[in-house]
Every structure is written in structure tokens, then in C-alpha cells.
PDB file of N, CA and C in Angstrom:
ATOM      1  N   MET A   1     122.515  31.159 102.823  1.00  0.00           N
ATOM      2  CA  MET A   1     122.871  32.255 101.923  1.00  0.00           C
ATOM      3  C   MET A   1     122.959  31.673 100.507  1.00  0.00           C
ATOM      4  N   ILE A   2     122.308  32.345  99.592  1.00  0.00           N
ATOM      5  CA  ILE A   2     122.334  31.942  98.190  1.00  0.00           C
ATOM      6  C   ILE A   2     123.299  32.860  97.443  1.00  0.00           C
ATOM      7  N   PHE A   3     124.179  32.271  96.645  1.00  0.00           N
ATOM      8  CA  PHE A   3     125.093  33.030  95.789  1.00  0.00           C
ATOM      9  C   PHE A   3     124.771  32.697  94.339  1.00  0.00           C
ATOM     10  N   THR A   4     124.718  33.722  93.491  1.00  0.00           N
ATOM     11  CA  THR A   4     124.504  33.460  92.068  1.00  0.00           C
ATOM     12  C   THR A   4     125.192  34.531  91.226  1.00  0.00           C
ATOM     13  N   THR A   5     125.656  34.108  90.068  1.00  0.00           N
ATOM     14  CA  THR A   5     126.262  35.055  89.131  1.00  0.00           C
ATOM     15  C   THR A   5     125.198  35.784  88.316  1.00  0.00           C
ATOM     16  N   THR A   6     123.971  35.270  88.350  1.00  0.00           N
ATOM     17  CA  THR A   6     122.875  35.913  87.619  1.00  0.00           C
ATOM     18  C   THR A   6     122.269  37.020  88.471  1.00  0.00           C
ATOM     19  N   ASN A   7     121.328  37.750  87.887  1.00  0.00           N
ATOM     20  CA  ASN A   7     120.697  38.861  88.607  1.00  0.00           C
ATOM     21  C   ASN A   7     119.303  38.528  89.120  1.00  0.00           C
ATOM     22  N   ASN A   8     118.888  37.259  88.993  1.00  0.00           N
ATOM     23  CA  ASN A   8     117.576  36.860  89.487  1.00  0.00           C
ATOM     24  C   ASN A   8     117.574  35.369  89.825  1.00  0.00           C
ATOM     25  N   PHE A   9     116.422  34.901  90.352  1.00  0.00           N
ATOM     26  CA  PHE A   9     116.262  33.511  90.762  1.00  0.00           C
ATOM     27  C   PHE A   9     115.047  32.926  90.074  1.00  0.00           C
ATOM     28  N   GLU A  10     115.037  31.609  89.958  1.00  0.00           N
ATOM     29  CA  GLU A  10     113.902  30.956  89.320  1.00  0.00           C
ATOM     30  C   GLU A  10     112.675  30.931  90.232  1.00  0.00           C
ATOM     31  N   ASN A  11     112.847  30.596  91.502  1.00  0.00           N
ATOM     32  CA  ASN A  11     111.703  30.447  92.405  1.00  0.00           C
ATOM     33  C   ASN A  11     111.618  31.525  93.475  1.00  0.00           C
ATOM     34  N   LYS A  12     112.422  32.549  93.360  1.00  0.00           N
ATOM     35  CA  LYS A  12     112.411  33.631  94.342  1.00  0.00           C
ATOM     36  C   LYS A  12     112.392  34.957  93.618  1.00  0.00           C
ATOM     37  N   GLU A  13     111.893  35.971  94.318  1.00  0.00           N
ATOM     38  CA  GLU A  13     111.957  37.312  93.770  1.00  0.00           C
ATOM     39  C   GLU A  13     112.714  38.208  94.744  1.00  0.00           C
ATOM     40  N   ILE A  14     113.408  39.163  94.192  1.00  0.00           N
ATOM     41  CA  ILE A  14     114.154  40.108  95.008  1.00  0.00           C
ATOM     42  C   ILE A  14     113.187  41.170  95.491  1.00  0.00           C
ATOM     43  N   ILE A  15     113.151  41.350  96.820  1.00  0.00           N
ATOM     44  CA  ILE A  15     112.232  42.352  97.373  1.00  0.00           C
ATOM     45  C   ILE A  15     112.962  43.600  97.849  1.00  0.00           C
ATOM     46  N   GLU A  16     114.302  43.486  98.020  1.00  0.00           N
ATOM     47  CA  GLU A  16     115.055  44.658  98.446  1.00  0.00           C
ATOM     48  C   GLU A  16     116.529  44.500  98.058  1.00  0.00           C
ATOM     49  N   TYR A  17     117.081  45.557  97.485  1.00  0.00           N
ATOM     50  CA  TYR A  17     118.509  45.613  97.180  1.00  0.00           C
ATOM     51  C   TYR A  17     119.198  46.330  98.336  1.00  0.00           C
ATOM     52  N   LEU A  18     120.209  45.681  98.924  1.00  0.00           N
ATOM     53  CA  LEU A  18     120.834  46.221 100.129  1.00  0.00           C
ATOM     54  C   LEU A  18     122.190  46.867  99.880  1.00  0.00           C
ATOM     55  N   GLY A  19     122.774  46.633  98.730  1.00  0.00           N
ATOM     56  CA  GLY A  19     124.043  47.272  98.409  1.00  0.00           C
ATOM     57  C   GLY A  19     125.119  46.306  97.964  1.00  0.00           C
ATOM     58  N   LEU A  20     126.186  46.878  97.518  1.00  0.00           N
ATOM     59  CA  LEU A  20     127.342  46.125  97.040  1.00  0.00           C
ATOM     60  C   LEU A  20     128.088  45.517  98.217  1.00  0.00           C
ATOM     61  N   VAL A  21     128.482  44.252  98.074  1.00  0.00           N
ATOM     62  CA  VAL A  21     129.297  43.590  99.097  1.00  0.00           C
ATOM     63  C   VAL A  21     130.526  42.985  98.436  1.00  0.00           C
ATOM     64  N   THR A  22     131.591  42.895  99.213  1.00  0.00           N
ATOM     65  CA  THR A  22     132.837  42.328  98.699  1.00  0.00           C
ATOM     66  C   THR A  22     133.445  41.383  99.724  1.00  0.00           C
ATOM     67  N   GLY A  23     134.307  40.561  99.212  1.00  0.00           N
ATOM     68  CA  GLY A  23     135.166  39.721 100.031  1.00  0.00           C
ATOM     69  C   GLY A  23     136.502  39.680  99.334  1.00  0.00           C
ATOM     70  N   MET A  24     137.581  39.764 100.091  1.00  0.00           N
ATOM     71  CA  MET A  24     138.910  39.737  99.475  1.00  0.00           C
ATOM     72  C   MET A  24     139.865  38.988 100.394  1.00  0.00           C
ATOM     73  N   THR A  25     140.680  38.137  99.791  1.00  0.00           N
ATOM     74  CA  THR A  25     141.690  37.403 100.545  1.00  0.00           C
ATOM     75  C   THR A  25     142.975  37.380  99.743  1.00  0.00           C
ATOM     76  N   TYR A  26     144.062  37.619 100.436  1.00  0.00           N
ATOM     77  CA  TYR A  26     145.391  37.643  99.831  1.00  0.00           C
ATOM     78  C   TYR A  26     146.254  36.693 100.640  1.00  0.00           C
ATOM     79  N   ASN A  27     146.887  35.747  99.967  1.00  0.00           N
ATOM     80  CA  ASN A  27     147.695  34.756 100.678  1.00  0.00           C
ATOM     81  C   ASN A  27     149.036  34.583  99.980  1.00  0.00           C
ATOM     82  N   VAL A  28     150.107  34.843 100.695  1.00  0.00           N
ATOM     83  CA  VAL A  28     151.449  34.660 100.134  1.00  0.00           C
ATOM     84  C   VAL A  28     152.157  33.477 100.769  1.00  0.00           C
ATOM     85  N   ASN A  29     151.525  32.829 101.720  1.00  0.00           N
ATOM     86  CA  ASN A  29     152.212  31.799 102.491  1.00  0.00           C
ATOM     87  C   ASN A  29     151.972  30.377 102.020  1.00  0.00           C
ATOM     88  N   TYR A  30     151.320  30.183 100.896  1.00  0.00           N
ATOM     89  CA  TYR A  30     151.004  28.827 100.495  1.00  0.00           C
ATOM     90  C   TYR A  30     152.150  28.136  99.772  1.00  0.00           C
ATOM     91  N   SER A  31     152.976  28.885  99.034  1.00  0.00           N
ATOM     92  CA  SER A  31     153.888  28.243  98.107  1.00  0.00           C
ATOM     93  C   SER A  31     154.861  27.301  98.786  1.00  0.00           C
ATOM     94  N   TYR A  32     154.891  26.138  98.225  1.00  0.00           N
ATOM     95  CA  TYR A  32     155.843  25.092  98.620  1.00  0.00           C
ATOM     96  C   TYR A  32     155.673  24.625 100.058  1.00  0.00           C
ATOM     97  N   LYS A  33     154.570  24.945 100.690  1.00  0.00           N
ATOM     98  CA  LYS A  33     154.333  24.479 102.049  1.00  0.00           C
ATOM     99  C   LYS A  33     154.213  22.952 102.034  1.00  0.00           C
ATOM    100  N   GLY A  34     155.074  22.280 102.741  1.00  0.00           N
ATOM    101  CA  GLY A  34     155.032  20.824 102.811  1.00  0.00           C
ATOM    102  C   GLY A  34     155.557  20.124 101.571  1.00  0.00           C
ATOM    103  N   VAL A  35     156.200  20.846 100.670  1.00  0.00           N
ATOM    104  CA  VAL A  35     156.729  20.250  99.448  1.00  0.00           C
ATOM    105  C   VAL A  35     158.253  20.165  99.569  1.00  0.00           C
ATOM    106  N   SER A  36     158.786  18.994  99.262  1.00  0.00           N
ATOM    107  CA  SER A  36     160.235  18.821  99.352  1.00  0.00           C
ATOM    108  C   SER A  36     160.928  19.608  98.247  1.00  0.00           C
ATOM    109  N   PHE A  37     162.238  19.803  98.416  1.00  0.00           N
ATOM    110  CA  PHE A  37     163.014  20.530  97.419  1.00  0.00           C
ATOM    111  C   PHE A  37     162.897  19.854  96.051  1.00  0.00           C
ATOM    112  N   LYS A  38     162.962  18.544  96.026  1.00  0.00           N
ATOM    113  CA  LYS A  38     162.850  17.780  94.770  1.00  0.00           C
ATOM    114  C   LYS A  38     161.482  18.008  94.115  1.00  0.00           C
ATOM    115  N   ASP A  39     160.433  18.001  94.937  1.00  0.00           N
ATOM    116  CA  ASP A  39     159.079  18.164  94.406  1.00  0.00           C
ATOM    117  C   ASP A  39     158.806  19.573  93.881  1.00  0.00           C
ATOM    118  N   MET A  40     159.611  20.546  94.301  1.00  0.00           N
ATOM    119  CA  MET A  40     159.420  21.915  93.817  1.00  0.00           C
ATOM    120  C   MET A  40     159.606  21.992  92.303  1.00  0.00           C
ATOM    121  N   PHE A  41     160.312  21.026  91.732  1.00  0.00           N
ATOM    122  CA  PHE A  41     160.573  21.031  90.294  1.00  0.00           C
ATOM    123  C   PHE A  41     159.676  20.052  89.550  1.00  0.00           C
ATOM    124  N   ASN A  42     158.743  19.435  90.245  1.00  0.00           N
ATOM    125  CA  ASN A  42     157.772  18.537  89.640  1.00  0.00           C
ATOM    126  C   ASN A  42     156.537  19.371  89.311  1.00  0.00           C
ATOM    127  N   MET A  43     156.313  19.646  88.040  1.00  0.00           N
ATOM    128  CA  MET A  43     155.251  20.561  87.626  1.00  0.00           C
ATOM    129  C   MET A  43     153.868  20.060  88.026  1.00  0.00           C
ATOM    130  N   LYS A  44     153.648  18.760  87.993  1.00  0.00           N
ATOM    131  CA  LYS A  44     152.342  18.224  88.380  1.00  0.00           C
ATOM    132  C   LYS A  44     152.054  18.555  89.843  1.00  0.00           C
ATOM    133  N   LYS A  45     153.022  18.351  90.700  1.00  0.00           N
ATOM    134  CA  LYS A  45     152.835  18.670  92.119  1.00  0.00           C
ATOM    135  C   LYS A  45     152.759  20.177  92.335  1.00  0.00           C
ATOM    136  N   TYR A  46     153.514  20.916  91.567  1.00  0.00           N
ATOM    137  CA  TYR A  46     153.502  22.378  91.668  1.00  0.00           C
ATOM    138  C   TYR A  46     152.103  22.917  91.341  1.00  0.00           C
ATOM    139  N   TYR A  47     151.523  22.439  90.235  1.00  0.00           N
ATOM    140  CA  TYR A  47     150.191  22.909  89.861  1.00  0.00           C
ATOM    141  C   TYR A  47     149.125  22.418  90.834  1.00  0.00           C
ATOM    142  N   ALA A  48     149.302  21.230  91.371  1.00  0.00           N
ATOM    143  CA  ALA A  48     148.359  20.734  92.378  1.00  0.00           C
ATOM    144  C   ALA A  48     148.412  21.620  93.618  1.00  0.00           C
ATOM    145  N   GLN A  49     149.605  22.061  93.977  1.00  0.00           N
ATOM    146  CA  GLN A  49     149.777  22.945  95.135  1.00  0.00           C
ATOM    147  C   GLN A  49     149.088  24.297  94.888  1.00  0.00           C
ATOM    148  N   ILE A  50     149.243  24.827  93.690  1.00  0.00           N
ATOM    149  CA  ILE A  50     148.583  26.093  93.345  1.00  0.00           C
ATOM    150  C   ILE A  50     147.064  25.931  93.382  1.00  0.00           C
ATOM    151  N   GLU A  51     146.566  24.833  92.840  1.00  0.00           N
ATOM    152  CA  GLU A  51     145.129  24.579  92.836  1.00  0.00           C
ATOM    153  C   GLU A  51     144.573  24.505  94.264  1.00  0.00           C
ATOM    154  N   THR A  52     145.284  23.824  95.130  1.00  0.00           N
ATOM    155  CA  THR A  52     144.869  23.729  96.534  1.00  0.00           C
ATOM    156  C   THR A  52     144.846  25.111  97.187  1.00  0.00           C
ATOM    157  N   ALA A  53     145.861  25.912  96.908  1.00  0.00           N
ATOM    158  CA  ALA A  53     145.935  27.259  97.481  1.00  0.00           C
ATOM    159  C   ALA A  53     144.789  28.124  96.996  1.00  0.00           C
ATOM    160  N   ILE A  54     144.490  28.065  95.714  1.00  0.00           N
ATOM    161  CA  ILE A  54     143.406  28.870  95.156  1.00  0.00           C
ATOM    162  C   ILE A  54     142.075  28.479  95.789  1.00  0.00           C
ATOM    163  N   GLU A  55     141.819  27.186  95.916  1.00  0.00           N
ATOM    164  CA  GLU A  55     140.565  26.725  96.513  1.00  0.00           C
ATOM    165  C   GLU A  55     140.421  27.213  97.952  1.00  0.00           C
ATOM    166  N   ALA A  56     141.514  27.155  98.719  1.00  0.00           N
ATOM    167  CA  ALA A  56     141.474  27.600 100.114  1.00  0.00           C
ATOM    168  C   ALA A  56     141.213  29.102 100.200  1.00  0.00           C
ATOM    169  N   VAL A  57     141.895  29.868  99.374  1.00  0.00           N
ATOM    170  CA  VAL A  57     141.723  31.328  99.389  1.00  0.00           C
ATOM    171  C   VAL A  57     140.324  31.692  98.901  1.00  0.00           C
ATOM    172  N   LYS A  58     139.831  31.003  97.887  1.00  0.00           N
ATOM    173  CA  LYS A  58     138.490  31.272  97.360  1.00  0.00           C
ATOM    174  C   LYS A  58     137.420  30.982  98.417  1.00  0.00           C
ATOM    175  N   GLU A  59     137.564  29.875  99.139  1.00  0.00           N
ATOM    176  CA  GLU A  59     136.600  29.526 100.186  1.00  0.00           C
ATOM    177  C   GLU A  59     136.582  30.583 101.293  1.00  0.00           C
ATOM    178  N   THR A  60     137.760  31.031 101.711  1.00  0.00           N
ATOM    179  CA  THR A  60     137.861  32.081 102.722  1.00  0.00           C
ATOM    180  C   THR A  60     137.196  33.363 102.232  1.00  0.00           C
ATOM    181  N   THR A  61     137.392  33.674 100.964  1.00  0.00           N
ATOM    182  CA  THR A  61     136.817  34.891 100.387  1.00  0.00           C
ATOM    183  C   THR A  61     135.296  34.825 100.344  1.00  0.00           C
ATOM    184  N   PHE A  62     134.739  33.664  99.980  1.00  0.00           N
ATOM    185  CA  PHE A  62     133.282  33.511  99.987  1.00  0.00           C
ATOM    186  C   PHE A  62     132.729  33.643 101.409  1.00  0.00           C
ATOM    187  N   GLN A  63     133.459  33.160 102.405  1.00  0.00           N
ATOM    188  CA  GLN A  63     133.038  33.325 103.799  1.00  0.00           C
ATOM    189  C   GLN A  63     132.965  34.799 104.167  1.00  0.00           C
ATOM    190  N   LYS A  64     133.983  35.561 103.754  1.00  0.00           N
ATOM    191  CA  LYS A  64     133.991  37.002 104.027  1.00  0.00           C
ATOM    192  C   LYS A  64     132.828  37.697 103.320  1.00  0.00           C
ATOM    193  N   LEU A  65     132.556  37.309 102.087  1.00  0.00           N
ATOM    194  CA  LEU A  65     131.429  37.869 101.336  1.00  0.00           C
ATOM    195  C   LEU A  65     130.125  37.580 102.072  1.00  0.00           C
ATOM    196  N   LYS A  66     129.958  36.345 102.520  1.00  0.00           N
ATOM    197  CA  LYS A  66     128.748  35.953 103.245  1.00  0.00           C
ATOM    198  C   LYS A  66     128.592  36.779 104.521  1.00  0.00           C
ATOM    199  N   GLU A  67     129.663  36.917 105.295  1.00  0.00           N
ATOM    200  CA  GLU A  67     129.612  37.693 106.532  1.00  0.00           C
ATOM    201  C   GLU A  67     129.229  39.149 106.262  1.00  0.00           C
ATOM    202  N   ASN A  68     129.793  39.726 105.217  1.00  0.00           N
ATOM    203  CA  ASN A  68     129.472  41.121 104.877  1.00  0.00           C
ATOM    204  C   ASN A  68     128.022  41.270 104.425  1.00  0.00           C
ATOM    205  N   ALA A  69     127.511  40.288 103.695  1.00  0.00           N
ATOM    206  CA  ALA A  69     126.111  40.326 103.258  1.00  0.00           C
ATOM    207  C   ALA A  69     125.171  40.159 104.443  1.00  0.00           C
ATOM    208  N   GLU A  70     125.525  39.274 105.375  1.00  0.00           N
ATOM    209  CA  GLU A  70     124.689  39.059 106.558  1.00  0.00           C
ATOM    210  C   GLU A  70     124.617  40.316 107.425  1.00  0.00           C
ATOM    211  N   LYS A  71     125.690  41.088 107.467  1.00  0.00           N
ATOM    212  CA  LYS A  71     125.689  42.342 108.228  1.00  0.00           C
ATOM    213  C   LYS A  71     124.639  43.314 107.696  1.00  0.00           C
ATOM    214  N   LEU A  72     124.332  43.200 106.411  1.00  0.00           N
ATOM    215  CA  LEU A  72     123.319  44.069 105.801  1.00  0.00           C
ATOM    216  C   LEU A  72     121.921  43.467 105.892  1.00  0.00           C
ATOM    217  N   GLY A  73     121.811  42.252 106.423  1.00  0.00           N
ATOM    218  CA  GLY A  73     120.519  41.588 106.533  1.00  0.00           C
ATOM    219  C   GLY A  73     120.115  40.829 105.287  1.00  0.00           C
ATOM    220  N   ALA A  74     121.065  40.513 104.428  1.00  0.00           N
ATOM    221  CA  ALA A  74     120.775  39.831 103.165  1.00  0.00           C
ATOM    222  C   ALA A  74     120.591  38.328 103.364  1.00  0.00           C
ATOM    223  N   ASP A  75     119.838  37.725 102.454  1.00  0.00           N
ATOM    224  CA  ASP A  75     119.756  36.267 102.429  1.00  0.00           C
ATOM    225  C   ASP A  75     120.286  35.707 101.107  1.00  0.00           C
ATOM    226  N   ALA A  76     120.775  36.624 100.248  1.00  0.00           N
ATOM    227  CA  ALA A  76     121.352  36.192  98.983  1.00  0.00           C
ATOM    228  C   ALA A  76     122.291  37.278  98.444  1.00  0.00           C
ATOM    229  N   VAL A  77     123.162  36.861  97.540  1.00  0.00           N
ATOM    230  CA  VAL A  77     124.035  37.797  96.822  1.00  0.00           C
ATOM    231  C   VAL A  77     123.919  37.462  95.344  1.00  0.00           C
ATOM    232  N   VAL A  78     123.540  38.452  94.551  1.00  0.00           N
ATOM    233  CA  VAL A  78     123.356  38.248  93.116  1.00  0.00           C
ATOM    234  C   VAL A  78     124.452  38.980  92.333  1.00  0.00           C
ATOM    235  N   GLY A  79     124.590  38.607  91.063  1.00  0.00           N
ATOM    236  CA  GLY A  79     125.541  39.281  90.182  1.00  0.00           C
ATOM    237  C   GLY A  79     126.982  39.107  90.628  1.00  0.00           C
ATOM    238  N   ILE A  80     127.294  37.947  91.162  1.00  0.00           N
ATOM    239  CA  ILE A  80     128.638  37.716  91.704  1.00  0.00           C
ATOM    240  C   ILE A  80     129.683  37.702  90.590  1.00  0.00           C
ATOM    241  N   ASN A  81     130.795  38.359  90.882  1.00  0.00           N
ATOM    242  CA  ASN A  81     131.962  38.366  89.994  1.00  0.00           C
ATOM    243  C   ASN A  81     133.166  37.939  90.822  1.00  0.00           C
ATOM    244  N   VAL A  82     133.908  36.950  90.327  1.00  0.00           N
ATOM    245  CA  VAL A  82     135.091  36.445  91.018  1.00  0.00           C
ATOM    246  C   VAL A  82     136.324  36.798  90.198  1.00  0.00           C
ATOM    247  N   ASP A  83     137.274  37.473  90.834  1.00  0.00           N
ATOM    248  CA  ASP A  83     138.553  37.801  90.206  1.00  0.00           C
ATOM    249  C   ASP A  83     139.658  37.110  90.976  1.00  0.00           C
ATOM    250  N   MET A  84     140.590  36.486  90.242  1.00  0.00           N
ATOM    251  CA  MET A  84     141.727  35.821  90.867  1.00  0.00           C
ATOM    252  C   MET A  84     143.008  36.270  90.200  1.00  0.00           C
ATOM    253  N   GLU A  85     144.033  36.432  91.023  1.00  0.00           N
ATOM    254  CA  GLU A  85     145.356  36.769  90.513  1.00  0.00           C
ATOM    255  C   GLU A  85     146.377  35.885  91.186  1.00  0.00           C
ATOM    256  N   ILE A  86     147.337  35.418  90.411  1.00  0.00           N
ATOM    257  CA  ILE A  86     148.467  34.678  90.955  1.00  0.00           C
ATOM    258  C   ILE A  86     149.708  35.407  90.479  1.00  0.00           C
ATOM    259  N   SER A  87     150.489  35.908  91.417  1.00  0.00           N
ATOM    260  CA  SER A  87     151.688  36.649  91.036  1.00  0.00           C
ATOM    261  C   SER A  87     152.821  35.680  90.721  1.00  0.00           C
ATOM    262  N   SER A  88     153.821  36.180  90.041  1.00  0.00           N
ATOM    263  CA  SER A  88     154.979  35.341  89.721  1.00  0.00           C
ATOM    264  C   SER A  88     155.712  34.910  90.982  1.00  0.00           C
ATOM    265  N   GLY A  89     155.503  35.630  92.079  1.00  0.00           N
ATOM    266  CA  GLY A  89     156.118  35.265  93.350  1.00  0.00           C
ATOM    267  C   GLY A  89     155.314  34.242  94.129  1.00  0.00           C
ATOM    268  N   GLY A  90     154.153  33.848  93.604  1.00  0.00           N
ATOM    269  CA  GLY A  90     153.356  32.813  94.240  1.00  0.00           C
ATOM    270  C   GLY A  90     152.225  33.300  95.113  1.00  0.00           C
ATOM    271  N   ALA A  91     151.990  34.598  95.172  1.00  0.00           N
ATOM    272  CA  ALA A  91     150.888  35.111  95.974  1.00  0.00           C
ATOM    273  C   ALA A  91     149.564  34.886  95.241  1.00  0.00           C
ATOM    274  N   VAL A  92     148.527  34.575  96.011  1.00  0.00           N
ATOM    275  CA  VAL A  92     147.190  34.367  95.456  1.00  0.00           C
ATOM    276  C   VAL A  92     146.270  35.439  96.028  1.00  0.00           C
ATOM    277  N   LEU A  93     145.552  36.131  95.140  1.00  0.00           N
ATOM    278  CA  LEU A  93     144.579  37.134  95.540  1.00  0.00           C
ATOM    279  C   LEU A  93     143.242  36.768  94.916  1.00  0.00           C
ATOM    280  N   VAL A  94     142.208  36.687  95.740  1.00  0.00           N
ATOM    281  CA  VAL A  94     140.858  36.438  95.246  1.00  0.00           C
ATOM    282  C   VAL A  94     139.968  37.553  95.759  1.00  0.00           C
ATOM    283  N   SER A  95     139.212  38.159  94.848  1.00  0.00           N
ATOM    284  CA  SER A  95     138.273  39.220  95.173  1.00  0.00           C
ATOM    285  C   SER A  95     136.910  38.841  94.602  1.00  0.00           C
ATOM    286  N   ILE A  96     135.884  38.915  95.438  1.00  0.00           N
ATOM    287  CA  ILE A  96     134.528  38.577  95.000  1.00  0.00           C
ATOM    288  C   ILE A  96     133.617  39.755  95.329  1.00  0.00           C
ATOM    289  N   THR A  97     132.821  40.170  94.347  1.00  0.00           N
ATOM    290  CA  THR A  97     131.857  41.248  94.560  1.00  0.00           C
ATOM    291  C   THR A  97     130.472  40.794  94.099  1.00  0.00           C
ATOM    292  N   GLY A  98     129.458  41.401  94.662  1.00  0.00           N
ATOM    293  CA  GLY A  98     128.093  41.103  94.277  1.00  0.00           C
ATOM    294  C   GLY A  98     127.152  42.091  94.947  1.00  0.00           C
ATOM    295  N   THR A  99     125.875  41.933  94.699  1.00  0.00           N
ATOM    296  CA  THR A  99     124.863  42.790  95.302  1.00  0.00           C
ATOM    297  C   THR A  99     124.086  41.990  96.335  1.00  0.00           C
ATOM    298  N   ALA A 100     124.091  42.475  97.578  1.00  0.00           N
ATOM    299  CA  ALA A 100     123.342  41.836  98.657  1.00  0.00           C
ATOM    300  C   ALA A 100     121.862  42.162  98.489  1.00  0.00           C
ATOM    301  N   VAL A 101     121.015  41.133  98.640  1.00  0.00           N
ATOM    302  CA  VAL A 101     119.573  41.313  98.459  1.00  0.00           C
ATOM    303  C   VAL A 101     118.788  40.512  99.488  1.00  0.00           C
ATOM    304  N   LYS A 102     117.523  40.928  99.660  1.00  0.00           N
ATOM    305  CA  LYS A 102     116.547  40.143 100.411  1.00  0.00           C
ATOM    306  C   LYS A 102     115.602  39.541  99.389  1.00  0.00           C
ATOM    307  N   THR A 103     115.223  38.288  99.635  1.00  0.00           N
ATOM    308  CA  THR A 103     114.349  37.599  98.676  1.00  0.00           C
ATOM    309  C   THR A 103     113.132  37.023  99.399  1.00  0.00           C
ATOM    310  N   GLN A 104     112.159  36.635  98.582  1.00  0.00           N
ATOM    311  CA  GLN A 104     111.019  35.868  99.084  1.00  0.00           C
ATOM    312  C   GLN A 104     110.602  34.904  97.982  1.00  0.00           C
ATOM    313  N   HIS A 105     109.889  33.839  98.385  1.00  0.00           N
ATOM    314  CA  HIS A 105     109.418  32.891  97.384  1.00  0.00           C
ATOM    315  C   HIS A 105     108.419  33.567  96.462  1.00  0.00           C
ATOM    316  N   LYS A 106     108.482  33.229  95.181  1.00  0.00           N
ATOM    317  CA  LYS A 106     107.532  33.801  94.228  1.00  0.00           C
ATOM    318  C   LYS A 106     106.133  33.280  94.521  1.00  0.00           C
ATOM    319  N   ARG A 107     105.186  34.159  94.384  1.00  0.00           N
ATOM    320  CA  ARG A 107     103.791  33.775  94.595  1.00  0.00           C
ATOM    321  C   ARG A 107     103.202  33.355  93.252  1.00  0.00           C
ATOM    322  N   ASN A 108     102.429  32.311  93.280  1.00  0.00           N
ATOM    323  CA  ASN A 108     101.755  31.857  92.047  1.00  0.00           C
ATOM    324  C   ASN A 108     100.599  32.787  91.748  1.00  0.00           C
ATOM    325  N   SER A 109     100.477  33.160  90.479  1.00  0.00           N
ATOM    326  CA  SER A 109      99.413  34.097  90.081  1.00  0.00           C
ATOM    327  C   SER A 109      98.118  33.403  89.829  1.00  0.00           C
TER     328      SER A 109
END
């Protein structure tokens, strides 16, 4: 599966647009997991924990996007937009949208 934020490819052409696809993941259980009480006040460790949580949620969201695109018979998703939110309570929400498409290699003229 090819993912791109652009609307086209260099060596492929879009032969069919299959529709809008999304993936969304919401996780409230990451905060302070495995972090000692003392480390909760260490900003470097706190931000590292947030970064790890975002990466995990983002990866899960891309998997959901891929699964939804495959259900439509797509081999690529173009025009991808990624939105992330982190609430003051520590919840992480990642939403990814794009257009599922079928592609083929460009033919030389």
C-alpha cells in the first residue's frame, strides 16, 4: 500500500478513484504507564512518553486506514491528511483521511 500526501505519483498513474477513507484512534491509557512518581515531574521523560504514545497511536491509525482502503480494493491512498490532538488530560487522538485509489505503472510514450 502506498501512502502519499500529494495527489499523484511520479511513476504511477491513478486509474480509478474509489472514495474517501479514514482511520481514527483514540488512546487515553498511555499517560505515565511505567513511569515512577518521581519521573512524572521530569519534563524530558514526560515528553518522551508523549512522543512514544503519539507514534503508537499514529501507527495503529495508519493500519486502520490501510485496512479500510484494502476493503475498497485500493493499492494506494493519496491526499493524506493527518490530524493529532493531545488533551490536557493526556488523551491522544489521531485521525487520518485520504482518497483510496487504484494505480498502474505509467506507460512510456
